[in-house]
Amino acid sequence: MKKMSKTTLVLYAVIGIAAIACLALLLLPKEPPAPTEQLVAVLWVDGDVFEEIPLGTAEDGTFSILDSTGHNITFEIKDHAIRFLESDCPDQVCVNTGFVSQDMDLAACLPNQTVLSVELRQSP
């Protein structure tokens, strides 16, 4: 077997250290990218946007609206999701829909012409 020169050994050592460093960089956990998108709950009443609620920053709680026809509807926000909590409509389909929290989720109270949708939007 042929003996290696000191220069060759140093070169192999440098290449080995560089390879280990590259492997370590690949395996280390990465910082999540800065959020560029956010989920927004859009509340529509009679075909018009009544309110927009960023679900990522919304605090848990309830709120009610009284629409132009006198219908009272209560919504609940919990764990970055939103739902119809109470409605004075006869069928209660909107209340039974439950929480919406993902892009393109939808809940509607057709008798009261109220729609709750979730949209993914670009952050400013």
Protein backbone atom coordinates (compact mmCIF):
# COMPACT_ATOMS: atom_id res chain seq x y z
CA MET A 1 0.00 0.00 0.00
CA LYS A 2 1.26 3.43 -0.97
CA LYS A 3 1.84 6.06 1.74
CA MET A 4 -0.07 9.34 1.43
CA SER A 5 1.65 12.67 1.75
CA LYS A 6 0.77 15.10 4.53
CA THR A 7 -0.81 17.43 1.98
CA THR A 8 -3.14 14.69 0.75
CA LEU A 9 -4.14 13.79 4.32
CA VAL A 10 -4.89 17.44 5.13
CA LEU A 11 -6.92 17.76 1.92
CA TYR A 12 -8.98 14.66 2.79
CA ALA A 13 -9.51 15.98 6.33
CA VAL A 14 -10.72 19.36 5.03
CA ILE A 15 -13.10 17.66 2.57
CA GLY A 16 -14.40 15.38 5.34
CA ILE A 17 -15.00 18.29 7.71
CA ALA A 18 -16.76 20.25 4.95
CA ALA A 19 -18.98 17.25 4.16
CA ILE A 20 -19.90 16.82 7.84
CA ALA A 21 -20.68 20.56 8.13
CA CYS A 22 -22.95 20.43 5.05
CA LEU A 23 -24.75 17.38 6.40
CA ALA A 24 -25.25 19.08 9.76
CA LEU A 25 -26.75 22.15 8.05
CA LEU A 26 -29.18 19.95 6.14
CA LEU A 27 -30.30 18.09 9.26
CA LEU A 28 -30.68 21.04 11.62
CA PRO A 29 -34.27 22.26 12.15
CA LYS A 30 -35.09 25.22 9.99
CA GLU A 31 -36.83 28.38 11.09
CA PRO A 32 -40.37 28.52 9.73
CA PRO A 33 -40.80 31.13 7.03
CA ALA A 34 -42.39 34.39 8.02
CA PRO A 35 -46.15 34.13 7.57
CA THR A 36 -47.18 35.53 4.24
CA GLU A 37 -50.71 34.18 4.22
CA GLN A 38 -53.50 34.32 6.76
CA LEU A 39 -56.97 32.87 7.08
CA VAL A 40 -59.74 35.45 7.18
CA ALA A 41 -63.36 34.77 8.09
CA VAL A 42 -65.66 36.87 5.92
CA LEU A 43 -69.17 37.52 7.15
CA TRP A 44 -71.66 38.34 4.38
CA VAL A 45 -75.13 39.74 5.10
CA ASP A 46 -77.61 40.28 2.25
CA GLY A 47 -74.82 39.83 -0.31
CA ASP A 48 -72.52 42.49 1.19
CA VAL A 49 -69.39 42.05 3.29
CA PHE A 50 -70.40 42.83 6.86
CA GLU A 51 -67.12 42.05 8.63
CA GLU A 52 -63.72 40.44 8.05
CA ILE A 53 -62.00 38.64 10.93
CA PRO A 54 -58.37 37.44 10.76
CA LEU A 55 -58.67 34.02 12.41
CA GLY A 56 -54.99 33.78 13.32
CA THR A 57 -55.20 36.75 15.66
CA ALA A 58 -58.86 36.70 16.68
CA GLU A 59 -59.53 36.25 20.39
CA ASP A 60 -61.89 33.53 21.57
CA GLY A 61 -65.39 34.81 22.34
CA THR A 62 -68.84 35.46 20.94
CA PHE A 63 -70.47 38.35 19.12
CA SER A 64 -73.93 38.99 17.71
CA ILE A 65 -75.28 40.86 14.74
CA LEU A 66 -78.73 42.21 14.06
CA ASP A 67 -79.24 42.40 10.31
CA SER A 68 -81.36 44.89 8.42
CA THR A 69 -84.40 42.59 8.55
CA GLY A 70 -84.18 42.24 12.33
CA HIS A 71 -82.65 38.75 12.44
CA ASN A 72 -80.38 38.14 15.42
CA ILE A 73 -77.40 35.83 14.83
CA THR A 74 -74.61 34.96 17.29
CA PHE A 75 -71.17 33.72 16.26
CA GLU A 76 -68.45 32.02 18.30
CA ILE A 77 -64.70 32.23 17.72
CA LYS A 78 -62.64 29.52 19.39
CA ASP A 79 -59.13 28.22 18.69
CA HIS A 80 -58.84 30.18 15.41
CA ALA A 81 -62.14 28.82 14.08
CA ILE A 82 -65.60 30.41 13.82
CA ARG A 83 -69.17 29.13 13.76
CA PHE A 84 -72.82 30.13 13.89
CA LEU A 85 -73.64 29.68 17.59
CA GLU A 86 -77.28 30.79 17.50
CA SER A 87 -79.70 31.90 14.83
CA ASP A 88 -83.40 32.62 14.78
CA CYS A 89 -83.86 30.69 11.52
CA PRO A 90 -86.29 27.76 11.53
CA ASP A 91 -84.05 24.95 10.23
CA GLN A 92 -80.77 25.60 12.18
CA VAL A 93 -78.62 24.18 9.37
CA CYS A 94 -76.12 27.00 9.91
CA VAL A 95 -75.77 26.18 13.62
CA ASN A 96 -75.39 22.46 12.90
CA THR A 97 -72.60 23.11 10.38
CA GLY A 98 -70.14 23.68 13.22
CA PHE A 99 -66.81 25.45 13.12
CA VAL A 100 -65.16 26.59 9.89
CA SER A 101 -61.44 27.24 9.90
CA GLN A 102 -59.85 26.20 6.59
CA ASP A 103 -59.55 27.93 3.24
CA MET A 104 -62.82 27.71 1.28
CA ASP A 105 -64.85 26.48 4.30
CA LEU A 106 -68.39 27.80 4.22
CA ALA A 107 -71.43 27.97 6.49
CA ALA A 108 -74.66 29.67 5.48
CA CYS A 109 -77.95 30.71 7.00
CA LEU A 110 -80.09 30.94 3.88
CA PRO A 111 -83.32 32.08 5.58
CA ASN A 112 -81.41 35.03 7.08
CA GLN A 113 -79.24 35.59 3.98
CA THR A 114 -76.04 35.34 6.01
CA VAL A 115 -72.90 33.54 4.84
CA LEU A 116 -69.69 32.82 6.70
CA SER A 117 -66.71 31.94 4.51
CA VAL A 118 -63.01 31.41 5.18
CA GLU A 119 -60.46 32.72 2.70
CA LEU A 120 -56.68 32.43 2.52
CA ARG A 121 -55.24 35.90 1.90
CA GLN A 122 -51.79 37.35 1.41
CA SER A 123 -50.54 39.32 4.42
CA PRO A 124 -49.45 42.89 3.77
